[in-house]
Amino acid sequence: MQELVAFVARSLVENPDAVVVREVEGPESIIVELRVAPEDMGKVIGKQGRIAKAIRAVVKAATPRDSKPVFLEIV
C-alpha cells in the first residue's frame, strides 16, 4: 500500500523527493501516513479536499476484503 500512495503523491507534487510514506500497523487497522513538502500540501489535498478524498478512495479500493482496514492520513 505504501508504494501505491507514494506513486500517486509523487505524480501530483512538484518536489517528489520530499514525499515520505510510512505505514503504522495497529491492532485493528493500518494507518498510512503521507508527508509532503509544505508548498505541495495544497496539491495533495486539493480544493475542498477532493484530491485527498480520491486518494483515500483508491486506497480503500486497493485494500483486500479479508485484511484490516487501511486509512490515509496526510501529515
PDB file of N, CA and C in Angstrom:
ATOM      1  N   MET A   1       0.821  -1.192   0.000  1.00  0.00           N
ATOM      2  CA  MET A   1       0.000   0.000   0.000  1.00  0.00           C
ATOM      3  C   MET A   1       0.870   1.263   0.000  1.00  0.00           C
ATOM      4  N   GLN A   2       2.032   1.172   0.654  1.00  0.00           N
ATOM      5  CA  GLN A   2       2.940   2.316   0.687  1.00  0.00           C
ATOM      6  C   GLN A   2       3.350   2.738  -0.718  1.00  0.00           C
ATOM      7  N   GLU A   3       3.650   1.764  -1.556  1.00  0.00           N
ATOM      8  CA  GLU A   3       4.107   2.069  -2.906  1.00  0.00           C
ATOM      9  C   GLU A   3       3.020   2.769  -3.712  1.00  0.00           C
ATOM     10  N   LEU A   4       1.783   2.345  -3.533  1.00  0.00           N
ATOM     11  CA  LEU A   4       0.659   2.955  -4.254  1.00  0.00           C
ATOM     12  C   LEU A   4       0.486   4.414  -3.859  1.00  0.00           C
ATOM     13  N   VAL A   5       0.482   4.685  -2.567  1.00  0.00           N
ATOM     14  CA  VAL A   5       0.315   6.061  -2.085  1.00  0.00           C
ATOM     15  C   VAL A   5       1.498   6.920  -2.512  1.00  0.00           C
ATOM     16  N   ALA A   6       2.705   6.380  -2.434  1.00  0.00           N
ATOM     17  CA  ALA A   6       3.889   7.131  -2.832  1.00  0.00           C
ATOM     18  C   ALA A   6       3.855   7.454  -4.323  1.00  0.00           C
ATOM     19  N   PHE A   7       3.434   6.505  -5.145  1.00  0.00           N
ATOM     20  CA  PHE A   7       3.351   6.740  -6.584  1.00  0.00           C
ATOM     21  C   PHE A   7       2.355   7.847  -6.908  1.00  0.00           C
ATOM     22  N   VAL A   8       1.186   7.792  -6.311  1.00  0.00           N
ATOM     23  CA  VAL A   8       0.156   8.804  -6.565  1.00  0.00           C
ATOM     24  C   VAL A   8       0.631  10.175  -6.082  1.00  0.00           C
ATOM     25  N   ALA A   9       1.209  10.225  -4.893  1.00  0.00           N
ATOM     26  CA  ALA A   9       1.654  11.510  -4.340  1.00  0.00           C
ATOM     27  C   ALA A   9       2.796  12.098  -5.154  1.00  0.00           C
ATOM     28  N   ARG A  10       3.742  11.264  -5.571  1.00  0.00           N
ATOM     29  CA  ARG A  10       4.877  11.782  -6.352  1.00  0.00           C
ATOM     30  C   ARG A  10       4.435  12.315  -7.709  1.00  0.00           C
ATOM     31  N   SER A  11       3.371  11.757  -8.261  1.00  0.00           N
ATOM     32  CA  SER A  11       2.895  12.244  -9.549  1.00  0.00           C
ATOM     33  C   SER A  11       2.136  13.564  -9.418  1.00  0.00           C
ATOM     34  N   LEU A  12       1.717  13.930  -8.215  1.00  0.00           N
ATOM     35  CA  LEU A  12       0.965  15.163  -8.014  1.00  0.00           C
ATOM     36  C   LEU A  12       1.835  16.363  -7.641  1.00  0.00           C
ATOM     37  N   VAL A  13       2.917  16.137  -6.917  1.00  0.00           N
ATOM     38  CA  VAL A  13       3.687  17.240  -6.346  1.00  0.00           C
ATOM     39  C   VAL A  13       4.820  17.692  -7.268  1.00  0.00           C
ATOM     40  N   GLU A  14       5.353  18.874  -6.967  1.00  0.00           N
ATOM     41  CA  GLU A  14       6.484  19.399  -7.741  1.00  0.00           C
ATOM     42  C   GLU A  14       7.819  18.928  -7.173  1.00  0.00           C
ATOM     43  N   ASN A  15       7.832  18.552  -5.907  1.00  0.00           N
ATOM     44  CA  ASN A  15       9.063  18.101  -5.257  1.00  0.00           C
ATOM     45  C   ASN A  15       8.883  16.642  -4.823  1.00  0.00           C
ATOM     46  N   PRO A  16       9.020  15.683  -5.757  1.00  0.00           N
ATOM     47  CA  PRO A  16       8.751  14.285  -5.414  1.00  0.00           C
ATOM     48  C   PRO A  16       9.763  13.671  -4.441  1.00  0.00           C
ATOM     49  N   ASP A  17      10.933  14.289  -4.296  1.00  0.00           N
ATOM     50  CA  ASP A  17      11.926  13.757  -3.366  1.00  0.00           C
ATOM     51  C   ASP A  17      11.518  13.964  -1.912  1.00  0.00           C
ATOM     52  N   ALA A  18      10.618  14.917  -1.658  1.00  0.00           N
ATOM     53  CA  ALA A  18      10.188  15.211  -0.288  1.00  0.00           C
ATOM     54  C   ALA A  18       9.027  14.337   0.172  1.00  0.00           C
ATOM     55  N   VAL A  19       8.528  13.468  -0.693  1.00  0.00           N
ATOM     56  CA  VAL A  19       7.397  12.609  -0.332  1.00  0.00           C
ATOM     57  C   VAL A  19       7.894  11.463   0.548  1.00  0.00           C
ATOM     58  N   VAL A  20       7.283  11.332   1.715  1.00  0.00           N
ATOM     59  CA  VAL A  20       7.621  10.258   2.652  1.00  0.00           C
ATOM     60  C   VAL A  20       6.326   9.561   3.037  1.00  0.00           C
ATOM     61  N   VAL A  21       6.305   8.239   2.871  1.00  0.00           N
ATOM     62  CA  VAL A  21       5.133   7.444   3.220  1.00  0.00           C
ATOM     63  C   VAL A  21       5.551   6.435   4.274  1.00  0.00           C
ATOM     64  N   ARG A  22       4.786   6.398   5.363  1.00  0.00           N
ATOM     65  CA  ARG A  22       5.072   5.475   6.460  1.00  0.00           C
ATOM     66  C   ARG A  22       3.813   4.697   6.797  1.00  0.00           C
ATOM     67  N   GLU A  23       3.970   3.439   7.081  1.00  0.00           N
ATOM     68  CA  GLU A  23       2.830   2.584   7.399  1.00  0.00           C
ATOM     69  C   GLU A  23       2.916   2.173   8.863  1.00  0.00           C
ATOM     70  N   VAL A  24       1.847   2.466   9.616  1.00  0.00           N
ATOM     71  CA  VAL A  24       1.787   2.132  11.030  1.00  0.00           C
ATOM     72  C   VAL A  24       0.667   1.125  11.222  1.00  0.00           C
ATOM     73  N   GLU A  25       1.012  -0.053  11.737  1.00  0.00           N
ATOM     74  CA  GLU A  25       0.007  -1.093  11.918  1.00  0.00           C
ATOM     75  C   GLU A  25      -0.435  -1.133  13.371  1.00  0.00           C
ATOM     76  N   GLY A  26      -1.729  -0.944  13.564  1.00  0.00           N
ATOM     77  CA  GLY A  26      -2.310  -1.017  14.898  1.00  0.00           C
ATOM     78  C   GLY A  26      -3.030  -2.338  15.085  1.00  0.00           C
ATOM     79  N   PRO A  27      -3.690  -2.504  16.222  1.00  0.00           N
ATOM     80  CA  PRO A  27      -4.377  -3.774  16.488  1.00  0.00           C
ATOM     81  C   PRO A  27      -5.597  -4.006  15.594  1.00  0.00           C
ATOM     82  N   GLU A  28      -6.265  -2.927  15.159  1.00  0.00           N
ATOM     83  CA  GLU A  28      -7.486  -3.096  14.372  1.00  0.00           C
ATOM     84  C   GLU A  28      -7.437  -2.460  12.989  1.00  0.00           C
ATOM     85  N   SER A  29      -6.397  -1.678  12.703  1.00  0.00           N
ATOM     86  CA  SER A  29      -6.329  -1.019  11.401  1.00  0.00           C
ATOM     87  C   SER A  29      -4.879  -0.726  11.040  1.00  0.00           C
ATOM     88  N   ILE A  30      -4.698  -0.310   9.799  1.00  0.00           N
ATOM     89  CA  ILE A  30      -3.389   0.101   9.298  1.00  0.00           C
ATOM     90  C   ILE A  30      -3.517   1.559   8.881  1.00  0.00           C
ATOM     91  N   ILE A  31      -2.603   2.391   9.353  1.00  0.00           N
ATOM     92  CA  ILE A  31      -2.624   3.810   9.020  1.00  0.00           C
ATOM     93  C   ILE A  31      -1.429   4.105   8.132  1.00  0.00           C
ATOM     94  N   VAL A  32      -1.694   4.705   6.979  1.00  0.00           N
ATOM     95  CA  VAL A  32      -0.648   5.113   6.059  1.00  0.00           C
ATOM     96  C   VAL A  32      -0.496   6.621   6.202  1.00  0.00           C
ATOM     97  N   GLU A  33       0.690   7.056   6.633  1.00  0.00           N
ATOM     98  CA  GLU A  33       0.960   8.479   6.822  1.00  0.00           C
ATOM     99  C   GLU A  33       1.694   9.013   5.602  1.00  0.00           C
ATOM    100  N   LEU A  34       1.184  10.091   5.058  1.00  0.00           N
ATOM    101  CA  LEU A  34       1.785  10.733   3.890  1.00  0.00           C
ATOM    102  C   LEU A  34       2.308  12.099   4.293  1.00  0.00           C
ATOM    103  N   ARG A  35       3.592  12.329   4.045  1.00  0.00           N
ATOM    104  CA  ARG A  35       4.212  13.631   4.318  1.00  0.00           C
ATOM    105  C   ARG A  35       4.761  14.181   3.007  1.00  0.00           C
ATOM    106  N   VAL A  36       4.461  15.438   2.750  1.00  0.00           N
ATOM    107  CA  VAL A  36       4.977  16.117   1.565  1.00  0.00           C
ATOM    108  C   VAL A  36       5.564  17.453   1.994  1.00  0.00           C
ATOM    109  N   ALA A  37       6.235  18.129   1.079  1.00  0.00           N
ATOM    110  CA  ALA A  37       6.780  19.451   1.358  1.00  0.00           C
ATOM    111  C   ALA A  37       5.634  20.423   1.623  1.00  0.00           C
ATOM    112  N   PRO A  38       5.843  21.408   2.482  1.00  0.00           N
ATOM    113  CA  PRO A  38       4.758  22.350   2.815  1.00  0.00           C
ATOM    114  C   PRO A  38       4.165  23.059   1.599  1.00  0.00           C
ATOM    115  N   GLU A  39       4.984  23.360   0.608  1.00  0.00           N
ATOM    116  CA  GLU A  39       4.456  24.059  -0.567  1.00  0.00           C
ATOM    117  C   GLU A  39       3.628  23.144  -1.468  1.00  0.00           C
ATOM    118  N   ASP A  40       3.759  21.832  -1.295  1.00  0.00           N
ATOM    119  CA  ASP A  40       2.987  20.874  -2.087  1.00  0.00           C
ATOM    120  C   ASP A  40       1.737  20.366  -1.371  1.00  0.00           C
ATOM    121  N   MET A  41       1.514  20.815  -0.159  1.00  0.00           N
ATOM    122  CA  MET A  41       0.385  20.322   0.630  1.00  0.00           C
ATOM    123  C   MET A  41      -0.950  20.608  -0.063  1.00  0.00           C
ATOM    124  N   GLY A  42      -1.096  21.762  -0.653  1.00  0.00           N
ATOM    125  CA  GLY A  42      -2.341  22.105  -1.336  1.00  0.00           C
ATOM    126  C   GLY A  42      -2.609  21.239  -2.554  1.00  0.00           C
ATOM    127  N   LYS A  43      -1.560  20.792  -3.219  1.00  0.00           N
ATOM    128  CA  LYS A  43      -1.737  19.944  -4.393  1.00  0.00           C
ATOM    129  C   LYS A  43      -2.195  18.543  -4.010  1.00  0.00           C
ATOM    130  N   VAL A  44      -1.791  18.081  -2.835  1.00  0.00           N
ATOM    131  CA  VAL A  44      -2.190  16.752  -2.390  1.00  0.00           C
ATOM    132  C   VAL A  44      -3.608  16.782  -1.810  1.00  0.00           C
ATOM    133  N   ILE A  45      -3.961  17.889  -1.165  1.00  0.00           N
ATOM    134  CA  ILE A  45      -5.296  17.986  -0.568  1.00  0.00           C
ATOM    135  C   ILE A  45      -6.326  18.400  -1.607  1.00  0.00           C
ATOM    136  N   GLY A  46      -6.007  19.373  -2.428  1.00  0.00           N
ATOM    137  CA  GLY A  46      -6.934  19.811  -3.465  1.00  0.00           C
ATOM    138  C   GLY A  46      -8.006  20.753  -2.935  1.00  0.00           C
ATOM    139  N   LYS A  47      -8.796  21.279  -3.844  1.00  0.00           N
ATOM    140  CA  LYS A  47      -9.870  22.180  -3.450  1.00  0.00           C
ATOM    141  C   LYS A  47     -10.939  21.397  -2.701  1.00  0.00           C
ATOM    142  N   GLN A  48     -11.259  21.870  -1.518  1.00  0.00           N
ATOM    143  CA  GLN A  48     -12.250  21.257  -0.638  1.00  0.00           C
ATOM    144  C   GLN A  48     -11.929  19.790  -0.350  1.00  0.00           C
ATOM    145  N   GLY A  49     -10.653  19.414  -0.446  1.00  0.00           N
ATOM    146  CA  GLY A  49     -10.231  18.061  -0.110  1.00  0.00           C
ATOM    147  C   GLY A  49     -10.571  17.004  -1.135  1.00  0.00           C
ATOM    148  N   ARG A  50     -10.842  17.419  -2.360  1.00  0.00           N
ATOM    149  CA  ARG A  50     -11.266  16.455  -3.385  1.00  0.00           C
ATOM    150  C   ARG A  50     -10.175  15.464  -3.760  1.00  0.00           C
ATOM    151  N   ILE A  51      -8.943  15.931  -3.903  1.00  0.00           N
ATOM    152  CA  ILE A  51      -7.856  15.024  -4.279  1.00  0.00           C
ATOM    153  C   ILE A  51      -7.554  14.074  -3.127  1.00  0.00           C
ATOM    154  N   ALA A  52      -7.592  14.571  -1.893  1.00  0.00           N
ATOM    155  CA  ALA A  52      -7.366  13.709  -0.736  1.00  0.00           C
ATOM    156  C   ALA A  52      -8.448  12.625  -0.654  1.00  0.00           C
ATOM    157  N   LYS A  53      -9.685  12.993  -0.916  1.00  0.00           N
ATOM    158  CA  LYS A  53     -10.771  12.012  -0.918  1.00  0.00           C
ATOM    159  C   LYS A  53     -10.569  10.973  -2.017  1.00  0.00           C
ATOM    160  N   ALA A  54     -10.083  11.419  -3.167  1.00  0.00           N
ATOM    161  CA  ALA A  54      -9.845  10.495  -4.274  1.00  0.00           C
ATOM    162  C   ALA A  54      -8.720   9.514  -3.932  1.00  0.00           C
ATOM    163  N   ILE A  55      -7.659  10.006  -3.301  1.00  0.00           N
ATOM    164  CA  ILE A  55      -6.565   9.119  -2.905  1.00  0.00           C
ATOM    165  C   ILE A  55      -7.065   8.111  -1.875  1.00  0.00           C
ATOM    166  N   ARG A  56      -7.879   8.579  -0.939  1.00  0.00           N
ATOM    167  CA  ARG A  56      -8.434   7.659   0.073  1.00  0.00           C
ATOM    168  C   ARG A  56      -9.327   6.603  -0.576  1.00  0.00           C
ATOM    169  N   ALA A  57     -10.077   6.993  -1.610  1.00  0.00           N
ATOM    170  CA  ALA A  57     -10.934   6.034  -2.312  1.00  0.00           C
ATOM    171  C   ALA A  57     -10.095   4.972  -3.020  1.00  0.00           C
ATOM    172  N   VAL A  58      -8.979   5.383  -3.612  1.00  0.00           N
ATOM    173  CA  VAL A  58      -8.085   4.424  -4.277  1.00  0.00           C
ATOM    174  C   VAL A  58      -7.486   3.460  -3.254  1.00  0.00           C
ATOM    175  N   VAL A  59      -7.093   3.986  -2.097  1.00  0.00           N
ATOM    176  CA  VAL A  59      -6.531   3.134  -1.045  1.00  0.00           C
ATOM    177  C   VAL A  59      -7.583   2.141  -0.559  1.00  0.00           C
ATOM    178  N   LYS A  60      -8.797   2.620  -0.367  1.00  0.00           N
ATOM    179  CA  LYS A  60      -9.869   1.732   0.091  1.00  0.00           C
ATOM    180  C   LYS A  60     -10.171   0.656  -0.948  1.00  0.00           C
ATOM    181  N   ALA A  61     -10.153   1.012  -2.223  1.00  0.00           N
ATOM    182  CA  ALA A  61     -10.425   0.040  -3.284  1.00  0.00           C
ATOM    183  C   ALA A  61      -9.301  -0.985  -3.404  1.00  0.00           C
ATOM    184  N   ALA A  62      -8.080  -0.595  -3.080  1.00  0.00           N
ATOM    185  CA  ALA A  62      -6.939  -1.498  -3.205  1.00  0.00           C
ATOM    186  C   ALA A  62      -6.757  -2.398  -1.981  1.00  0.00           C
ATOM    187  N   THR A  63      -7.509  -2.138  -0.921  1.00  0.00           N
ATOM    188  CA  THR A  63      -7.398  -2.944   0.294  1.00  0.00           C
ATOM    189  C   THR A  63      -8.131  -4.265   0.111  1.00  0.00           C
ATOM    190  N   PRO A  64      -7.470  -5.387   0.379  1.00  0.00           N
ATOM    191  CA  PRO A  64      -8.160  -6.686   0.283  1.00  0.00           C
ATOM    192  C   PRO A  64      -9.303  -6.781   1.301  1.00  0.00           C
ATOM    193  N   ARG A  65     -10.323  -7.515   0.952  1.00  0.00           N
ATOM    194  CA  ARG A  65     -11.506  -7.615   1.809  1.00  0.00           C
ATOM    195  C   ARG A  65     -11.229  -8.278   3.148  1.00  0.00           C
ATOM    196  N   ASP A  66     -10.358  -9.246   3.172  1.00  0.00           N
ATOM    197  CA  ASP A  66     -10.136 -10.016   4.394  1.00  0.00           C
ATOM    198  C   ASP A  66      -9.040  -9.445   5.295  1.00  0.00           C
ATOM    199  N   SER A  67      -8.533  -8.246   4.981  1.00  0.00           N
ATOM    200  CA  SER A  67      -7.467  -7.670   5.796  1.00  0.00           C
ATOM    201  C   SER A  67      -8.021  -6.545   6.673  1.00  0.00           C
ATOM    202  N   LYS A  68      -7.137  -5.973   7.461  1.00  0.00           N
ATOM    203  CA  LYS A  68      -7.511  -4.844   8.308  1.00  0.00           C
ATOM    204  C   LYS A  68      -7.831  -3.637   7.429  1.00  0.00           C
ATOM    205  N   PRO A  69      -8.714  -2.750   7.881  1.00  0.00           N
ATOM    206  CA  PRO A  69      -8.975  -1.534   7.101  1.00  0.00           C
ATOM    207  C   PRO A  69      -7.747  -0.633   7.071  1.00  0.00           C
ATOM    208  N   VAL A  70      -7.556   0.057   5.952  1.00  0.00           N
ATOM    209  CA  VAL A  70      -6.415   0.941   5.767  1.00  0.00           C
ATOM    210  C   VAL A  70      -6.915   2.373   5.676  1.00  0.00           C
ATOM    211  N   PHE A  71      -6.305   3.273   6.463  1.00  0.00           N
ATOM    212  CA  PHE A  71      -6.692   4.674   6.470  1.00  0.00           C
ATOM    213  C   PHE A  71      -5.495   5.521   6.060  1.00  0.00           C
ATOM    214  N   LEU A  72      -5.753   6.601   5.352  1.00  0.00           N
ATOM    215  CA  LEU A  72      -4.697   7.512   4.902  1.00  0.00           C
ATOM    216  C   LEU A  72      -4.763   8.780   5.714  1.00  0.00           C
ATOM    217  N   GLU A  73      -3.624   9.188   6.269  1.00  0.00           N
ATOM    218  CA  GLU A  73      -3.505  10.454   6.976  1.00  0.00           C
ATOM    219  C   GLU A  73      -2.466  11.300   6.260  1.00  0.00           C
ATOM    220  N   ILE A  74      -2.842  12.524   5.954  1.00  0.00           N
ATOM    221  CA  ILE A  74      -1.898  13.468   5.343  1.00  0.00           C
ATOM    222  C   ILE A  74      -1.377  14.346   6.461  1.00  0.00           C
ATOM    223  N   VAL A  75      -0.083  14.206   6.758  1.00  0.00           N
ATOM    224  CA  VAL A  75       0.517  14.875   7.906  1.00  0.00           C
ATOM    225  C   VAL A  75       1.239  16.117   7.443  1.00  0.00           C
TER     226      VAL A  75
END
